[in-house]
C-alpha atoms as a PDB file:
ATOM      1  CA  MET A   1      14.714 -29.181  48.632  1.00  0.00           C
ATOM      2  CA  LYS A   2      16.320 -27.605  45.556  1.00  0.00           C
ATOM      3  CA  ARG A   3      18.256 -25.207  47.758  1.00  0.00           C
ATOM      4  CA  LYS A   4      19.700 -28.114  49.760  1.00  0.00           C
ATOM      5  CA  PHE A   5      20.645 -29.846  46.523  1.00  0.00           C
ATOM      6  CA  TYR A   6      22.456 -26.775  45.200  1.00  0.00           C
ATOM      7  CA  LEU A   7      24.263 -26.288  48.508  1.00  0.00           C
ATOM      8  CA  LEU A   8      25.373 -29.926  48.503  1.00  0.00           C
ATOM      9  CA  ALA A   9      26.532 -29.715  44.886  1.00  0.00           C
ATOM     10  CA  SER A  10      28.485 -26.548  45.605  1.00  0.00           C
ATOM     11  CA  LEU A  11      30.154 -28.185  48.596  1.00  0.00           C
ATOM     12  CA  LEU A  12      31.166 -31.223  46.573  1.00  0.00           C
ATOM     13  CA  LEU A  13      32.564 -29.018  43.805  1.00  0.00           C
ATOM     14  CA  ALA A  14      34.585 -27.003  46.302  1.00  0.00           C
ATOM     15  CA  LEU A  15      35.988 -30.152  47.868  1.00  0.00           C
ATOM     16  CA  GLY A  16      36.893 -31.478  44.434  1.00  0.00           C
ATOM     17  CA  LEU A  17      38.778 -28.309  43.534  1.00  0.00           C
ATOM     18  CA  LEU A  18      40.509 -28.318  46.889  1.00  0.00           C
ATOM     19  CA  SER A  19      41.725 -31.869  46.347  1.00  0.00           C
ATOM     20  CA  LEU A  20      43.277 -30.826  43.043  1.00  0.00           C
ATOM     21  CA  MET A  21      45.133 -27.932  44.663  1.00  0.00           C
ATOM     22  CA  VAL A  22      46.805 -29.989  47.372  1.00  0.00           C
ATOM     23  CA  GLY A  23      50.567 -29.951  46.941  1.00  0.00           C
ATOM     24  CA  CYS A  24      50.467 -26.955  44.580  1.00  0.00           C
ATOM     25  CA  ASP A  25      51.369 -24.242  47.039  1.00  0.00           C
ATOM     26  CA  LYS A  26      54.902 -23.850  45.672  1.00  0.00           C
ATOM     27  CA  GLN A  27      55.089 -20.494  43.949  1.00  0.00           C
ATOM     28  CA  GLU A  28      57.446 -20.527  40.982  1.00  0.00           C
ATOM     29  CA  GLN A  29      58.180 -17.150  39.446  1.00  0.00           C
ATOM     30  CA  THR A  30      57.277 -17.299  35.780  1.00  0.00           C
ATOM     31  CA  VAL A  31      58.323 -14.772  33.175  1.00  0.00           C
ATOM     32  CA  THR A  32      55.751 -14.028  30.516  1.00  0.00           C
ATOM     33  CA  ALA A  33      57.537 -11.317  28.548  1.00  0.00           C
ATOM     34  CA  PRO A  34      57.472 -11.963  24.787  1.00  0.00           C
ATOM     35  CA  VAL A  35      60.497 -13.653  23.282  1.00  0.00           C
ATOM     36  CA  VAL A  36      62.555 -11.309  21.135  1.00  0.00           C
ATOM     37  CA  GLY A  37      65.539 -13.485  20.245  1.00  0.00           C
ATOM     38  CA  SER A  38      66.218 -15.409  17.060  1.00  0.00           C
ATOM     39  CA  VAL A  39      67.367 -19.020  17.064  1.00  0.00           C
ATOM     40  CA  ASP A  40      67.469 -21.972  14.702  1.00  0.00           C
ATOM     41  CA  GLN A  41      69.412 -24.923  16.090  1.00  0.00           C
ATOM     42  CA  SER A  42      69.506 -28.067  13.953  1.00  0.00           C
ATOM     43  CA  VAL A  43      70.185 -31.572  15.211  1.00  0.00           C
ATOM     44  CA  GLU A  44      71.647 -34.341  13.078  1.00  0.00           C
ATOM     45  CA  VAL A  45      69.055 -37.039  13.799  1.00  0.00           C
ATOM     46  CA  ASP A  46      66.015 -38.261  11.892  1.00  0.00           C
ATOM     47  CA  ASP A  47      63.625 -39.380  14.633  1.00  0.00           C
ATOM     48  CA  LEU A  48      62.771 -36.196  16.521  1.00  0.00           C
ATOM     49  CA  GLY A  49      59.118 -36.693  15.615  1.00  0.00           C
ATOM     50  CA  ASP A  50      56.571 -34.241  14.263  1.00  0.00           C
ATOM     51  CA  LEU A  51      53.713 -33.396  16.615  1.00  0.00           C
ATOM     52  CA  ASN A  52      52.613 -29.969  15.354  1.00  0.00           C
ATOM     53  CA  ILE A  53      50.411 -29.402  18.369  1.00  0.00           C
ATOM     54  CA  SER A  54      49.804 -26.086  20.104  1.00  0.00           C
ATOM     55  CA  ALA A  55      51.097 -25.363  23.586  1.00  0.00           C
ATOM     56  CA  GLU A  56      47.488 -24.851  24.664  1.00  0.00           C
ATOM     57  CA  GLU A  57      46.677 -28.430  23.654  1.00  0.00           C
ATOM     58  CA  VAL A  58      49.777 -29.777  25.389  1.00  0.00           C
ATOM     59  CA  ASN A  59      48.929 -27.901  28.579  1.00  0.00           C
ATOM     60  CA  ALA A  60      45.364 -29.217  28.371  1.00  0.00           C
ATOM     61  CA  ALA A  61      46.734 -32.770  28.182  1.00  0.00           C
ATOM     62  CA  GLY A  62      48.785 -31.966  31.278  1.00  0.00           C
ATOM     63  CA  ARG A  63      45.702 -30.780  33.140  1.00  0.00           C
ATOM     64  CA  ALA A  64      43.896 -33.995  32.264  1.00  0.00           C
ATOM     65  CA  ALA A  65      46.782 -36.097  33.589  1.00  0.00           C
ATOM     66  CA  TYR A  66      47.042 -33.861  36.647  1.00  0.00           C
ATOM     67  CA  GLU A  67      43.360 -34.232  37.487  1.00  0.00           C
ATOM     68  CA  GLN A  68      43.622 -37.995  37.255  1.00  0.00           C
ATOM     69  CA  ALA A  69      46.735 -38.039  39.440  1.00  0.00           C
ATOM     70  CA  GLY A  70      45.136 -35.641  41.920  1.00  0.00           C
ATOM     71  CA  LEU A  71      42.536 -38.267  42.779  1.00  0.00           C
ATOM     72  CA  ASP A  72      45.230 -40.694  43.889  1.00  0.00           C
ATOM     73  CA  LYS A  73      47.953 -38.642  45.518  1.00  0.00           C
ATOM     74  CA  ALA A  74      48.371 -35.391  47.373  1.00  0.00           C
ATOM     75  CA  ASN A  75      51.274 -33.941  45.409  1.00  0.00           C
ATOM     76  CA  ALA A  76      50.009 -33.729  41.866  1.00  0.00           C
ATOM     77  CA  CYS A  77      52.129 -30.694  40.958  1.00  0.00           C
ATOM     78  CA  ILE A  78      55.686 -31.425  39.841  1.00  0.00           C
ATOM     79  CA  TYR A  79      58.808 -29.272  40.051  1.00  0.00           C
ATOM     80  CA  LEU A  80      62.053 -30.950  38.986  1.00  0.00           C
ATOM     81  CA  ASN A  81      65.381 -29.514  40.049  1.00  0.00           C
ATOM     82  CA  VAL A  82      66.786 -28.537  36.660  1.00  0.00           C
ATOM     83  CA  PRO A  83      69.621 -25.974  36.828  1.00  0.00           C
ATOM     84  CA  TYR A  84      69.273 -23.117  34.359  1.00  0.00           C
ATOM     85  CA  PHE A  85      71.591 -21.857  31.633  1.00  0.00           C
ATOM     86  CA  SER A  86      70.943 -19.048  29.175  1.00  0.00           C
ATOM     87  CA  GLN A  87      72.453 -19.223  25.719  1.00  0.00           C
ATOM     88  CA  LEU A  88      72.661 -15.426  25.943  1.00  0.00           C
ATOM     89  CA  ASP A  89      75.017 -15.455  28.944  1.00  0.00           C
ATOM     90  CA  PRO A  90      77.890 -13.028  28.190  1.00  0.00           C
ATOM     91  CA  ALA A  91      80.331 -15.731  29.311  1.00  0.00           C
ATOM     92  CA  TRP A  92      79.633 -17.775  26.150  1.00  0.00           C
ATOM     93  CA  LYS A  93      77.037 -16.149  23.899  1.00  0.00           C
ATOM     94  CA  ASP A  94      79.710 -15.076  21.388  1.00  0.00           C
ATOM     95  CA  VAL A  95      81.522 -18.441  21.353  1.00  0.00           C
ATOM     96  CA  ARG A  96      81.403 -20.061  17.911  1.00  0.00           C
ATOM     97  CA  LEU A  97      79.098 -23.080  17.833  1.00  0.00           C
ATOM     98  CA  GLY A  98      80.955 -26.313  17.122  1.00  0.00           C
ATOM     99  CA  TYR A  99      83.302 -25.960  14.144  1.00  0.00           C
ATOM    100  CA  ASP A 100      81.331 -23.030  12.669  1.00  0.00           C
ATOM    101  CA  HIS A 101      83.169 -23.198   9.333  1.00  0.00           C
ATOM    102  CA  TYR A 102      81.421 -20.130   7.922  1.00  0.00           C
ATOM    103  CA  ASN A 103      81.704 -18.024  11.068  1.00  0.00           C
ATOM    104  CA  SER A 104      77.933 -17.538  11.203  1.00  0.00           C
ATOM    105  CA  ALA A 105      76.728 -19.441  14.285  1.00  0.00           C
ATOM    106  CA  THR A 106      77.383 -18.787  17.957  1.00  0.00           C
ATOM    107  CA  ILE A 107      75.985 -20.257  21.156  1.00  0.00           C
ATOM    108  CA  GLY A 108      73.968 -17.074  21.547  1.00  0.00           C
ATOM    109  CA  SER A 109      72.490 -17.169  18.058  1.00  0.00           C
ATOM    110  CA  HIS A 110      71.988 -20.904  17.461  1.00  0.00           C
ATOM    111  CA  GLY A 111      72.843 -22.750  20.685  1.00  0.00           C
ATOM    112  CA  CYS A 112      69.421 -23.461  22.197  1.00  0.00           C
ATOM    113  CA  PHE A 113      69.689 -27.245  21.869  1.00  0.00           C
ATOM    114  CA  LEU A 114      73.254 -27.266  23.160  1.00  0.00           C
ATOM    115  CA  THR A 115      72.134 -25.149  26.115  1.00  0.00           C
ATOM    116  CA  SER A 116      69.163 -27.417  26.813  1.00  0.00           C
ATOM    117  CA  LEU A 117      71.410 -30.485  26.886  1.00  0.00           C
ATOM    118  CA  SER A 118      73.799 -28.650  29.198  1.00  0.00           C
ATOM    119  CA  MET A 119      70.967 -28.115  31.684  1.00  0.00           C
ATOM    120  CA  LEU A 120      70.298 -31.856  31.675  1.00  0.00           C
ATOM    121  CA  TYR A 121      73.949 -32.685  32.267  1.00  0.00           C
ATOM    122  CA  LYS A 122      74.031 -30.275  35.178  1.00  0.00           C
ATOM    123  CA  LYS A 123      70.988 -32.047  36.620  1.00  0.00           C
ATOM    124  CA  TRP A 124      72.721 -35.396  36.097  1.00  0.00           C
ATOM    125  CA  GLY A 125      75.490 -34.277  38.427  1.00  0.00           C
ATOM    126  CA  TYR A 126      78.195 -32.879  36.135  1.00  0.00           C
ATOM    127  CA  SER A 127      79.115 -29.936  38.320  1.00  0.00           C
ATOM    128  CA  THR A 128      81.470 -28.262  35.845  1.00  0.00           C
ATOM    129  CA  MET A 129      79.074 -28.464  32.905  1.00  0.00           C
ATOM    130  CA  THR A 130      78.159 -25.298  30.991  1.00  0.00           C
ATOM    131  CA  PRO A 131      77.121 -24.780  27.361  1.00  0.00           C
ATOM    132  CA  VAL A 132      80.679 -23.822  26.428  1.00  0.00           C
ATOM    133  CA  VAL A 133      82.095 -26.967  28.103  1.00  0.00           C
ATOM    134  CA  LEU A 134      79.854 -29.227  25.995  1.00  0.00           C
ATOM    135  CA  ASN A 135      80.496 -27.094  22.923  1.00  0.00           C
ATOM    136  CA  ASN A 136      84.291 -27.379  23.256  1.00  0.00           C
ATOM    137  CA  TRP A 137      84.390 -31.023  24.363  1.00  0.00           C
ATOM    138  CA  SER A 138      87.200 -32.971  22.707  1.00  0.00           C
ATOM    139  CA  TYR A 139      87.167 -36.777  22.724  1.00  0.00           C
ATOM    140  CA  LEU A 140      89.109 -39.546  20.967  1.00  0.00           C
ATOM    141  CA  GLY A 141      91.341 -36.916  19.412  1.00  0.00           C
ATOM    142  CA  GLN A 142      88.451 -35.032  17.858  1.00  0.00           C
ATOM    143  CA  ALA A 143      87.719 -31.430  18.768  1.00  0.00           C
ATOM    144  CA  HIS A 144      84.074 -30.410  19.206  1.00  0.00           C
ATOM    145  CA  TYR A 145      83.228 -34.100  19.393  1.00  0.00           C
ATOM    146  CA  ALA A 146      79.466 -33.521  19.713  1.00  0.00           C
ATOM    147  CA  PHE A 147      79.309 -31.738  16.346  1.00  0.00           C
ATOM    148  CA  SER A 148      79.311 -32.824  12.725  1.00  0.00           C
ATOM    149  CA  THR A 149      82.267 -31.662  10.651  1.00  0.00           C
ATOM    150  CA  ILE A 150      80.215 -31.211   7.457  1.00  0.00           C
ATOM    151  CA  LYS A 151      78.561 -28.070   6.063  1.00  0.00           C
ATOM    152  CA  ASN A 152      78.742 -25.257   8.613  1.00  0.00           C
ATOM    153  CA  GLY A 153      79.968 -27.589  11.353  1.00  0.00           C
ATOM    154  CA  ASP A 154      77.322 -26.480  13.857  1.00  0.00           C
ATOM    155  CA  LEU A 155      75.037 -29.525  13.672  1.00  0.00           C
ATOM    156  CA  ILE A 156      74.914 -31.522  16.906  1.00  0.00           C
ATOM    157  CA  ARG A 157      75.409 -35.263  16.509  1.00  0.00           C
ATOM    158  CA  LEU A 158      73.029 -36.378  19.216  1.00  0.00           C
ATOM    159  CA  PRO A 159      74.457 -39.841  19.964  1.00  0.00           C
ATOM    160  CA  GLU A 160      77.917 -38.310  20.442  1.00  0.00           C
ATOM    161  CA  ALA A 161      76.590 -35.402  22.511  1.00  0.00           C
ATOM    162  CA  LEU A 162      74.968 -37.923  24.846  1.00  0.00           C
ATOM    163  CA  GLN A 163      78.301 -39.706  25.397  1.00  0.00           C
ATOM    164  CA  TYR A 164      79.837 -36.899  27.459  1.00  0.00           C
ATOM    165  CA  PRO A 165      82.315 -37.626  28.816  1.00  0.00           C
ATOM    166  CA  TYR A 166      82.215 -41.343  27.955  1.00  0.00           C
ATOM    167  CA  VAL A 167      78.852 -42.838  29.047  1.00  0.00           C
ATOM    168  CA  SER A 168      76.300 -43.611  26.345  1.00  0.00           C
ATOM    169  CA  ARG A 169      72.799 -42.393  27.134  1.00  0.00           C
ATOM    170  CA  PRO A 170      69.625 -43.329  25.263  1.00  0.00           C
ATOM    171  CA  TYR A 171      67.036 -40.936  23.894  1.00  0.00           C
ATOM    172  CA  ARG A 172      63.474 -41.403  22.716  1.00  0.00           C
ATOM    173  CA  SER A 173      60.490 -39.513  21.390  1.00  0.00           C
ATOM    174  CA  ILE A 174      57.286 -39.203  23.398  1.00  0.00           C
ATOM    175  CA  THR A 175      53.789 -37.806  22.869  1.00  0.00           C
ATOM    176  CA  SER A 176      52.168 -34.869  24.625  1.00  0.00           C
ATOM    177  CA  SER A 177      50.074 -37.194  26.796  1.00  0.00           C
ATOM    178  CA  GLN A 178      53.266 -38.753  28.190  1.00  0.00           C
ATOM    179  CA  ILE A 179      54.938 -35.560  29.440  1.00  0.00           C
ATOM    180  CA  TYR A 180      53.278 -35.570  32.857  1.00  0.00           C
ATOM    181  CA  ASN A 181      54.293 -39.147  33.672  1.00  0.00           C
ATOM    182  CA  GLU A 182      57.857 -38.483  32.498  1.00  0.00           C
ATOM    183  CA  LEU A 183      58.094 -35.516  34.855  1.00  0.00           C
ATOM    184  CA  ALA A 184      56.540 -37.569  37.646  1.00  0.00           C
ATOM    185  CA  ALA A 185      59.308 -40.137  37.097  1.00  0.00           C
ATOM    186  CA  GLY A 186      61.936 -37.404  37.453  1.00  0.00           C
ATOM    187  CA  ARG A 187      62.727 -37.017  33.754  1.00  0.00           C
ATOM    188  CA  PRO A 188      62.693 -33.528  32.180  1.00  0.00           C
ATOM    189  CA  VAL A 189      61.398 -33.337  28.614  1.00  0.00           C
ATOM    190  CA  VAL A 190      63.074 -31.383  25.817  1.00  0.00           C
ATOM    191  CA  ALA A 191      60.561 -29.742  23.498  1.00  0.00           C
ATOM    192  CA  ARG A 192      61.213 -28.365  20.040  1.00  0.00           C
ATOM    193  CA  VAL A 193      58.892 -25.466  19.288  1.00  0.00           C
ATOM    194  CA  SER A 194      58.144 -22.994  16.524  1.00  0.00           C
ATOM    195  CA  PHE A 195      56.700 -19.558  17.212  1.00  0.00           C
ATOM    196  CA  TYR A 196      56.412 -15.925  16.161  1.00  0.00           C
ATOM    197  CA  THR A 197      58.445 -13.402  18.117  1.00  0.00           C
ATOM    198  CA  SER A 198      56.998 -10.127  19.321  1.00  0.00           C
ATOM    199  CA  ARG A 199      58.606  -8.562  16.247  1.00  0.00           C
ATOM    200  CA  GLY A 200      56.733 -10.894  13.922  1.00  0.00           C
ATOM    201  CA  THR A 201      59.746 -13.057  13.064  1.00  0.00           C
ATOM    202  CA  TYR A 202      58.919 -16.736  12.605  1.00  0.00           C
ATOM    203  CA  ILE A 203      61.266 -19.103  14.466  1.00  0.00           C
ATOM    204  CA  GLN A 204      61.015 -22.576  12.981  1.00  0.00           C
ATOM    205  CA  SER A 205      63.071 -24.487  15.521  1.00  0.00           C
ATOM    206  CA  HIS A 206      63.815 -23.640  19.149  1.00  0.00           C
ATOM    207  CA  TYR A 207      64.470 -25.955  22.090  1.00  0.00           C
ATOM    208  CA  LEU A 208      63.179 -25.726  25.678  1.00  0.00           C
ATOM    209  CA  VAL A 209      63.379 -27.935  28.759  1.00  0.00           C
ATOM    210  CA  ILE A 210      60.007 -28.795  30.331  1.00  0.00           C
ATOM    211  CA  TYR A 211      60.762 -29.144  34.037  1.00  0.00           C
ATOM    212  CA  ALA A 212      57.479 -28.579  35.926  1.00  0.00           C
ATOM    213  CA  PHE A 213      53.700 -28.700  35.943  1.00  0.00           C
ATOM    214  CA  ASN A 214      52.046 -26.129  38.212  1.00  0.00           C
ATOM    215  CA  GLY A 215      48.489 -27.490  38.142  1.00  0.00           C
ATOM    216  CA  THR A 216      47.513 -25.475  35.063  1.00  0.00           C
ATOM    217  CA  ASN A 217      50.451 -25.357  32.660  1.00  0.00           C
ATOM    218  CA  TYR A 218      53.811 -26.889  31.934  1.00  0.00           C
ATOM    219  CA  LEU A 219      56.751 -24.656  32.830  1.00  0.00           C
ATOM    220  CA  VAL A 220      59.979 -24.524  30.851  1.00  0.00           C
ATOM    221  CA  ARG A 221      63.581 -23.481  31.212  1.00  0.00           C
ATOM    222  CA  ASP A 222      63.981 -21.317  28.104  1.00  0.00           C
ATOM    223  CA  PRO A 223      67.566 -20.844  26.859  1.00  0.00           C
ATOM    224  CA  LEU A 224      66.520 -17.415  25.585  1.00  0.00           C
ATOM    225  CA  GLY A 225      67.136 -15.836  28.961  1.00  0.00           C
ATOM    226  CA  GLN A 226      64.015 -16.962  30.843  1.00  0.00           C
ATOM    227  CA  SER A 227      64.571 -19.399  33.672  1.00  0.00           C
ATOM    228  CA  SER A 228      60.878 -20.169  34.107  1.00  0.00           C
ATOM    229  CA  ARG A 229      57.941 -19.490  31.853  1.00  0.00           C
ATOM    230  CA  VAL A 230      54.811 -21.225  30.581  1.00  0.00           C
ATOM    231  CA  LEU A 231      55.256 -23.562  27.613  1.00  0.00           C
ATOM    232  CA  TYR A 232      54.504 -21.673  24.399  1.00  0.00           C
ATOM    233  CA  GLY A 233      54.452 -21.953  20.619  1.00  0.00           C
ATOM    234  CA  THR A 234      53.710 -24.958  18.431  1.00  0.00           C
ATOM    235  CA  ILE A 235      55.361 -28.120  19.704  1.00  0.00           C
ATOM    236  CA  THR A 236      56.937 -30.139  16.882  1.00  0.00           C
ATOM    237  CA  SER A 237      58.769 -32.774  18.902  1.00  0.00           C
ATOM    238  CA  LEU A 238      59.213 -34.036  22.463  1.00  0.00           C
ATOM    239  CA  GLN A 239      62.252 -35.984  23.600  1.00  0.00           C
ATOM    240  CA  VAL A 240      63.521 -37.645  26.781  1.00  0.00           C
ATOM    241  CA  PHE A 241      67.285 -37.992  27.146  1.00  0.00           C
ATOM    242  CA  GLY A 242      69.588 -39.994  29.344  1.00  0.00           C
ATOM    243  CA  THR A 243      67.181 -42.568  30.725  1.00  0.00           C
END
């Protein structure tokens, strides 16, 4: 009798796992090499939030949402079509960021947020968008319209950056438990993370675009030269733009 019970339990467990894997057969190449770059992009807004939660916890929240969704629909894995840009692309990595009054910031060194926004614009249908296009955007007679003119001149003014070329777009903060539903609704999530590089350097602020959930982890478009990798670091804010 016990043997029959164990066999039945094993069968039910296998069926349960199978139901969670339905729709997850898309293989996305992920790059897991350690990050070796150095970035620190600031944004001139006050409401980016402060989560201070590990990527492991965020991914666990994604698995919980995924398991719940897997009971109701076949395709519980999500892959949004988000074009990729690298801030390290030779075509623009040495371009000065915004006004760059002190000649100390380039797209390659500090342009992770600019690059992340450029990916979103490309997804929104702006076919000519690149990080250097958004960086050099002039509007209403003002050069580098998306940037503040004060201090070093490399701070992005988010409301202005979201007006390119003339349409205002909202933005809002979300929590880690909301990421899955945002992706399911077709909205990529921009995450600000802090982390230690493989060289032991602490990066306080870096931006990534969360574009997928593969059944186990969230995947990101990382401006530091990695088109797809697992979410990493300590997440300090999560934002949705343009919706």
